[in-house]
N, C-alpha and C. Protein backbone atom coordinates (compact mmCIF):
# COMPACT_ATOMS: atom_id res chain seq x y z
N MET A 1 0.86 -1.29 -0.01
CA MET A 1 -0.15 -0.03 0.27
C MET A 1 0.93 1.04 -0.24
N PRO A 2 0.82 2.54 -0.90
CA PRO A 2 1.52 3.30 -1.03
C PRO A 2 1.38 4.30 -0.04
N GLY A 3 2.51 5.08 0.85
CA GLY A 3 1.88 5.97 1.61
C GLY A 3 2.10 7.50 1.29
N ILE A 4 1.91 8.37 1.95
CA ILE A 4 1.83 9.48 1.97
C ILE A 4 3.16 9.95 1.77
N HIS A 5 3.67 10.96 1.05
CA HIS A 5 5.03 11.53 1.38
C HIS A 5 5.30 12.82 1.30
N PHE A 6 5.83 13.33 2.41
CA PHE A 6 6.02 14.81 2.82
C PHE A 6 7.43 15.33 2.19
N THR A 7 7.18 16.27 1.76
CA THR A 7 8.51 16.99 1.18
C THR A 7 9.36 17.98 2.23
N HIS A 8 8.54 18.82 2.69
CA HIS A 8 9.04 19.87 3.63
C HIS A 8 7.92 20.24 4.45
N ILE A 9 8.04 21.31 5.52
CA ILE A 9 7.35 22.16 6.22
C ILE A 9 6.66 23.23 4.97
N ASP A 10 5.44 23.15 5.02
CA ASP A 10 5.12 24.55 4.08
C ASP A 10 5.07 25.67 4.82
N HIS A 11 4.17 25.60 6.19
CA HIS A 11 4.56 27.23 6.63
C HIS A 11 4.10 26.24 8.10
N CYS A 12 4.09 27.76 8.86
CA CYS A 12 3.85 27.45 10.61
C CYS A 12 3.18 28.96 10.76
N SER A 13 2.06 28.81 11.67
CA SER A 13 1.56 29.79 12.05
C SER A 13 1.56 30.20 13.49
N VAL A 14 1.72 31.33 13.94
CA VAL A 14 1.53 31.63 15.32
C VAL A 14 0.83 32.82 15.31
N LEU A 15 0.28 32.82 17.08
CA LEU A 15 -0.60 33.88 17.12
C LEU A 15 0.01 35.22 17.26
N ILE A 16 -0.44 36.27 17.01
CA ILE A 16 -0.27 37.87 17.79
C ILE A 16 -1.24 38.81 18.14
N THR A 17 -0.86 39.67 18.83
CA THR A 17 -1.64 40.23 19.32
C THR A 17 -1.42 41.57 19.09
N ASP A 18 -0.60 42.37 18.58
CA ASP A 18 -0.38 43.63 18.41
C ASP A 18 0.38 43.70 16.73
N LEU A 19 -0.53 44.10 15.67
CA LEU A 19 0.24 44.05 14.33
C LEU A 19 1.51 44.89 14.22
N ALA A 20 1.72 46.26 14.52
CA ALA A 20 2.86 46.71 14.57
C ALA A 20 3.89 46.42 15.30
N LYS A 21 3.95 45.86 16.90
CA LYS A 21 4.83 45.23 17.54
C LYS A 21 5.33 43.69 16.57
N ALA A 22 4.64 43.04 16.30
CA ALA A 22 5.33 41.79 15.47
C ALA A 22 5.57 42.44 14.12
N ARG A 23 5.32 43.05 13.31
CA ARG A 23 5.94 43.40 12.32
C ARG A 23 7.31 44.21 12.74
N ALA A 24 7.41 44.96 13.40
CA ALA A 24 8.59 45.14 13.60
C ALA A 24 9.49 44.29 14.05
N PHE A 25 9.59 43.59 14.96
CA PHE A 25 10.02 42.24 15.21
C PHE A 25 10.37 41.41 14.02
N TYR A 26 9.30 40.84 13.51
CA TYR A 26 9.93 40.17 12.27
C TYR A 26 10.39 40.51 11.27
N VAL A 27 10.15 41.91 10.71
CA VAL A 27 10.77 42.68 9.72
C VAL A 27 12.01 43.03 10.19
N GLY A 28 11.81 43.76 11.35
CA GLY A 28 13.02 44.81 11.85
C GLY A 28 14.17 43.98 12.50
N VAL A 29 13.94 43.00 13.03
CA VAL A 29 14.74 41.93 13.99
C VAL A 29 15.22 40.60 13.30
N LEU A 30 14.15 40.01 12.49
CA LEU A 30 14.51 38.97 11.90
C LEU A 30 14.62 38.96 10.47
N CYS A 31 14.34 40.55 10.26
CA CYS A 31 14.92 40.51 8.59
C CYS A 31 14.04 39.95 7.88
N LEU A 32 12.75 39.36 7.94
CA LEU A 32 12.39 38.43 7.07
C LEU A 32 11.07 39.18 6.15
N ARG A 33 10.94 39.01 4.93
CA ARG A 33 10.40 39.65 3.78
C ARG A 33 9.06 39.35 3.80
N GLU A 34 7.78 40.25 4.11
CA GLU A 34 6.46 40.33 4.15
C GLU A 34 6.01 40.12 2.82
N ILE A 35 5.14 39.33 2.84
CA ILE A 35 4.53 38.81 1.32
C ILE A 35 3.03 39.20 1.70
N PRO A 36 2.09 39.47 0.63
CA PRO A 36 0.68 39.86 0.81
C PRO A 36 0.11 38.51 1.15
N LYS A 37 -1.10 38.51 2.15
CA LYS A 37 -1.78 37.26 2.10
C LYS A 37 -2.93 36.87 1.29
N PRO A 38 -3.34 35.91 0.83
CA PRO A 38 -4.39 35.57 -0.16
C PRO A 38 -5.46 36.24 -0.26
N LYS A 39 -5.48 37.02 -1.26
CA LYS A 39 -7.02 37.83 -1.11
C LYS A 39 -8.18 37.58 -0.52
N PRO A 40 -8.56 36.19 -0.58
CA PRO A 40 -9.65 35.82 0.01
C PRO A 40 -9.85 35.94 1.44
N PHE A 41 -8.67 35.95 2.16
CA PHE A 41 -8.63 35.90 3.65
C PHE A 41 -9.18 37.39 4.12
N ASP A 42 -10.40 37.10 5.34
CA ASP A 42 -10.93 38.25 5.67
C ASP A 42 -10.66 38.63 6.95
N PHE A 43 -9.77 37.81 7.55
CA PHE A 43 -9.11 38.48 8.60
C PHE A 43 -7.41 38.81 8.68
N VAL A 44 -7.15 39.49 10.10
CA VAL A 44 -5.98 39.94 9.89
C VAL A 44 -4.60 39.20 10.09
N ALA A 45 -3.78 39.17 8.99
CA ALA A 45 -2.74 38.16 9.27
C ALA A 45 -1.58 38.38 8.43
N LEU A 46 -0.08 38.26 9.05
CA LEU A 46 1.09 38.70 8.37
C LEU A 46 1.61 37.46 7.65
N TRP A 47 2.24 37.85 6.63
CA TRP A 47 3.17 36.34 6.00
C TRP A 47 4.05 36.84 5.45
N PHE A 48 5.03 36.04 5.75
CA PHE A 48 6.55 36.17 5.61
C PHE A 48 7.20 35.10 4.71
N GLN A 49 7.78 35.46 3.75
CA GLN A 49 8.39 34.10 2.90
C GLN A 49 10.10 33.92 3.56
N LEU A 50 10.09 32.91 3.81
CA LEU A 50 11.44 31.78 4.69
C LEU A 50 12.13 31.21 3.58
N GLY A 51 11.54 31.07 2.48
CA GLY A 51 12.66 30.89 1.45
C GLY A 51 12.26 29.15 0.91
N ASP A 52 12.53 28.94 -0.24
CA ASP A 52 11.88 27.35 -0.62
C ASP A 52 10.63 27.03 -0.88
N GLY A 53 9.92 28.48 -0.99
CA GLY A 53 8.15 27.89 -0.87
C GLY A 53 7.57 27.70 0.58
N GLN A 54 8.79 28.20 1.79
CA GLN A 54 7.76 27.95 2.86
C GLN A 54 7.83 29.46 3.49
N THR A 55 6.69 29.46 4.04
CA THR A 55 6.36 30.58 4.97
C THR A 55 5.83 30.72 6.05
N LEU A 56 5.79 31.83 6.64
CA LEU A 56 5.57 32.08 8.10
C LEU A 56 4.23 32.64 8.14
N HIS A 57 3.24 32.25 9.09
CA HIS A 57 2.06 33.12 9.13
C HIS A 57 1.48 33.54 10.69
N LEU A 58 1.34 34.81 10.84
CA LEU A 58 1.20 35.36 12.05
C LEU A 58 -0.30 35.82 11.79
N LEU A 59 -1.16 35.28 13.10
CA LEU A 59 -2.46 35.45 12.91
C LEU A 59 -2.70 36.23 14.07
N GLN A 60 -3.62 37.40 13.80
CA GLN A 60 -3.44 38.19 15.00
C GLN A 60 -4.80 37.79 15.62
N LYS A 61 -4.83 37.92 16.86
CA LYS A 61 -6.41 37.38 17.80
C LYS A 61 -5.98 38.40 18.85
N PRO A 62 -7.08 38.49 20.02
CA PRO A 62 -7.31 39.44 20.81
C PRO A 62 -6.53 39.20 22.00
N GLN A 63 -6.11 37.47 22.25
CA GLN A 63 -5.35 36.83 22.92
C GLN A 63 -3.92 36.42 22.41
N ALA A 64 -2.89 36.51 23.40
CA ALA A 64 -1.64 35.64 23.04
C ALA A 64 -1.75 34.54 23.10
N ASP A 65 -0.86 33.51 22.32
CA ASP A 65 -1.11 32.24 22.78
C ASP A 65 -0.82 31.63 24.00
N THR A 66 -0.86 30.81 24.84
CA THR A 66 -0.70 30.36 26.32
C THR A 66 1.07 30.07 26.00
N ARG A 67 1.90 30.53 26.93
CA ARG A 67 3.41 30.18 26.69
C ARG A 67 3.68 28.58 27.02
N SER A 68 4.40 28.33 26.27
CA SER A 68 4.85 26.99 26.65
C SER A 68 6.06 26.63 25.87
N PRO A 69 6.38 25.22 25.83
CA PRO A 69 7.95 24.77 25.24
C PRO A 69 7.64 25.16 23.51
N ARG A 70 6.70 24.85 22.84
CA ARG A 70 6.24 25.12 21.36
C ARG A 70 7.16 25.79 20.85
N HIS A 71 7.36 25.97 19.72
CA HIS A 71 8.37 26.96 19.02
C HIS A 71 8.66 26.14 17.46
N PHE A 72 8.96 27.07 16.61
CA PHE A 72 9.48 26.95 15.43
C PHE A 72 10.84 27.43 15.44
N ALA A 73 11.83 26.64 14.58
CA ALA A 73 13.08 26.81 14.40
C ALA A 73 13.49 27.85 12.93
N LEU A 74 14.25 28.46 13.19
CA LEU A 74 14.95 29.18 11.69
C LEU A 74 16.08 28.66 11.73
N ARG A 75 16.72 28.21 10.65
CA ARG A 75 18.06 27.72 10.31
C ARG A 75 19.00 28.79 10.06
N VAL A 76 20.13 28.79 10.69
CA VAL A 76 20.93 30.10 10.04
C VAL A 76 22.45 29.68 9.60
N PRO A 77 23.16 30.09 8.63
CA PRO A 77 24.33 29.46 8.53
C PRO A 77 25.42 30.11 9.25
N ASP A 78 25.16 30.87 10.17
CA ASP A 78 26.64 31.46 10.94
C ASP A 78 25.63 31.80 12.61
N ILE A 79 25.62 30.86 13.46
CA ILE A 79 25.25 31.07 15.05
C ILE A 79 25.89 32.16 15.42
N ALA A 80 27.00 32.44 15.33
CA ALA A 80 27.86 33.66 15.89
C ALA A 80 27.56 34.71 15.45
N GLN A 81 27.13 34.92 14.59
CA GLN A 81 26.64 36.08 13.72
C GLN A 81 25.04 36.12 14.05
N ALA A 82 24.47 35.29 14.20
CA ALA A 82 23.22 35.15 14.57
C ALA A 82 22.83 36.01 15.99
N ARG A 83 23.97 35.31 16.93
CA ARG A 83 23.93 35.83 18.16
C ARG A 83 24.15 37.01 18.26
N GLU A 84 25.28 37.64 17.55
CA GLU A 84 25.50 39.42 17.84
C GLU A 84 24.63 40.10 17.14
N HIS A 85 23.73 39.81 16.25
CA HIS A 85 23.08 40.22 15.73
C HIS A 85 21.50 40.61 16.71
N PHE A 86 21.17 39.46 17.21
CA PHE A 86 20.10 39.79 18.39
C PHE A 86 20.72 40.24 19.66
N ARG A 87 21.93 40.34 20.30
CA ARG A 87 22.45 41.18 21.34
C ARG A 87 22.52 42.88 20.61
N ALA A 88 22.51 43.04 19.23
CA ALA A 88 23.04 44.23 18.93
C ALA A 88 21.29 45.06 18.85
N HIS A 89 20.46 44.23 18.85
CA HIS A 89 19.01 44.47 18.60
C HIS A 89 18.28 44.39 20.07
N GLY A 90 19.61 44.14 21.23
CA GLY A 90 18.59 43.96 22.52
C GLY A 90 17.83 42.83 22.56
N ILE A 91 17.93 41.80 21.89
CA ILE A 91 16.73 40.94 22.30
C ILE A 91 17.43 39.52 23.24
N GLU A 92 16.89 39.41 24.19
CA GLU A 92 17.23 38.36 25.11
C GLU A 92 17.45 37.11 24.34
N MET A 93 18.45 36.19 24.59
CA MET A 93 18.55 35.04 24.24
C MET A 93 18.57 33.61 25.50
N GLN A 94 17.91 32.13 25.06
CA GLN A 94 18.16 31.66 26.24
C GLN A 94 18.71 30.56 25.28
N GLU A 95 19.71 30.40 26.08
CA GLU A 95 20.81 28.91 25.58
C GLU A 95 19.83 27.58 26.10
N THR A 96 20.13 26.72 25.44
CA THR A 96 19.43 25.05 25.31
C THR A 96 20.63 23.89 25.62
N GLY A 97 19.95 23.19 25.73
CA GLY A 97 20.84 21.69 26.16
C GLY A 97 21.29 21.51 24.69
N PRO A 98 22.44 21.02 24.48
CA PRO A 98 23.33 20.44 23.29
C PRO A 98 22.48 19.37 22.49
N ILE A 99 22.39 19.53 21.07
CA ILE A 99 21.99 18.45 20.40
C ILE A 99 23.79 18.37 19.45
N PRO A 100 24.00 17.12 19.28
CA PRO A 100 25.44 16.55 18.50
C PRO A 100 25.22 17.30 17.04
N HIS A 101 26.18 18.17 16.97
CA HIS A 101 26.49 18.92 15.67
C HIS A 101 25.65 20.00 15.11
N CYS A 102 25.35 20.46 16.34
CA CYS A 102 24.72 21.86 16.20
C CYS A 102 25.00 22.86 17.32
N ASP A 103 24.48 23.72 16.99
CA ASP A 103 24.46 25.07 18.03
C ASP A 103 22.91 25.66 17.69
N ARG A 104 22.66 25.83 18.96
CA ARG A 104 21.15 26.72 18.63
C ARG A 104 20.97 27.76 20.09
N PHE A 105 20.05 28.55 20.20
CA PHE A 105 19.35 29.14 21.22
C PHE A 105 17.98 29.76 20.62
N PHE A 106 17.33 30.35 22.27
CA PHE A 106 15.84 30.34 21.59
C PHE A 106 15.85 32.23 21.78
N VAL A 107 14.80 32.60 21.32
CA VAL A 107 14.41 34.11 21.16
C VAL A 107 12.96 34.08 21.45
N SER A 108 12.27 35.18 21.86
CA SER A 108 10.80 34.99 21.66
C SER A 108 10.40 36.69 21.00
N ASP A 109 9.29 36.43 20.50
CA ASP A 109 8.89 37.41 19.69
C ASP A 109 8.00 38.40 20.92
N PRO A 110 7.53 39.60 20.62
CA PRO A 110 7.08 40.13 21.56
C PRO A 110 5.68 39.89 22.34
N ASP A 111 4.96 38.49 21.49
CA ASP A 111 3.70 38.04 22.01
C ASP A 111 4.23 36.87 23.03
N GLY A 112 5.74 36.57 22.93
CA GLY A 112 6.39 35.45 23.77
C GLY A 112 6.13 34.24 22.80
N ASN A 113 6.16 34.33 21.71
CA ASN A 113 6.46 33.06 20.89
C ASN A 113 7.70 32.70 20.59
N ARG A 114 8.25 31.57 21.46
CA ARG A 114 9.67 31.00 21.00
C ARG A 114 9.69 30.81 19.75
N ILE A 115 10.93 31.18 19.21
CA ILE A 115 11.65 30.77 18.26
C ILE A 115 12.76 30.22 18.41
N GLU A 116 13.37 29.02 17.69
CA GLU A 116 14.62 28.50 18.23
C GLU A 116 15.67 28.95 16.82
N VAL A 117 17.09 29.22 17.33
CA VAL A 117 18.03 29.79 15.87
C VAL A 117 18.86 28.80 15.86
N ILE A 118 18.79 28.22 14.91
CA ILE A 118 19.91 26.92 14.93
C ILE A 118 20.79 26.68 13.41
N GLN A 119 21.86 26.31 13.83
CA GLN A 119 23.04 26.05 12.66
C GLN A 119 23.61 24.62 12.82
N TRP A 120 23.26 23.63 11.96
CA TRP A 120 23.62 22.36 11.91
C TRP A 120 25.23 22.18 10.85
N PHE A 121 25.83 21.82 11.83
CA PHE A 121 27.44 21.81 11.05
C PHE A 121 27.22 20.49 10.52
N GLU A 122 26.69 19.54 10.68
CA GLU A 122 26.42 18.28 9.97
C GLU A 122 24.88 18.20 10.12
N LEU A 123 24.47 17.64 9.01
CA LEU A 123 22.84 17.14 9.07
C LEU A 123 22.80 16.30 10.42
N TYR A 124 21.69 15.96 10.88
CA TYR A 124 21.18 15.20 12.21
C TYR A 124 21.19 13.66 11.56
N ASP A 125 21.83 12.93 12.01
CA ASP A 125 22.13 11.62 12.27
C ASP A 125 21.75 10.80 13.36
N PRO A 126 21.00 10.37 13.38
CA PRO A 126 20.40 9.33 14.88
C PRO A 126 21.45 8.83 15.50
N ALA A 127 22.18 7.69 14.39
CA ALA A 127 23.36 7.05 15.04
C ALA A 127 24.38 7.51 15.22
N ALA A 128 25.09 9.03 14.55
CA ALA A 128 25.84 9.71 15.13
C ALA A 128 25.79 10.63 16.36
N SER A 129 24.43 10.88 16.67
CA SER A 129 23.78 11.35 17.88
C SER A 129 23.79 10.52 19.32
N GLY A 130 23.95 9.43 18.83
CA GLY A 130 24.39 8.24 20.15
C GLY A 130 22.83 8.33 20.23
N ALA A 131 21.37 8.47 19.78
CA ALA A 131 20.21 7.96 19.80
C ALA A 131 20.58 6.54 20.54
N ALA A 132 19.56 6.41 21.44
CA ALA A 132 19.06 4.99 22.04
C ALA A 132 18.21 4.49 21.34
N GLY A 133 17.16 5.29 20.50
CA GLY A 133 16.05 4.74 19.97
C GLY A 133 14.75 5.39 20.02
N LEU A 134 13.48 5.08 19.98
CA LEU A 134 12.43 5.63 19.64
C LEU A 134 11.80 5.71 21.08
N ASP A 135 11.34 6.64 21.49
CA ASP A 135 10.73 6.75 23.00
C ASP A 135 9.40 5.97 22.97
N GLU A 136 9.23 5.02 23.79
CA GLU A 136 7.88 4.04 23.91
C GLU A 136 6.67 4.62 24.28
């Protein structure tokens, strides 16, 4: 029986409460390029181009999402340069536990949405990472 085959994540959506603050962060700090949302949408949303057809959608709601470990990750080619960029913008960074062959940290947008910034030095290989197996 043939199964489904996914090629990549198409988009990620997060909730925002303040359009101006969100736009200032995602355009001014993250340097993402805003693109128009689809014409039929009758709600407030910001769309950003991430590359390779992937997009990030910010959906305006009256209340922010519950703070949690949920996050999306943005890959960078130079993690040291990324850290310096966030320092220069006065954005707090949260360091986190190591993963073999990568370096990463977290930042938060004005609504508290967590964003992981990650550089892979080698693509993830479960065998090379010392993975014991799948969680039961």
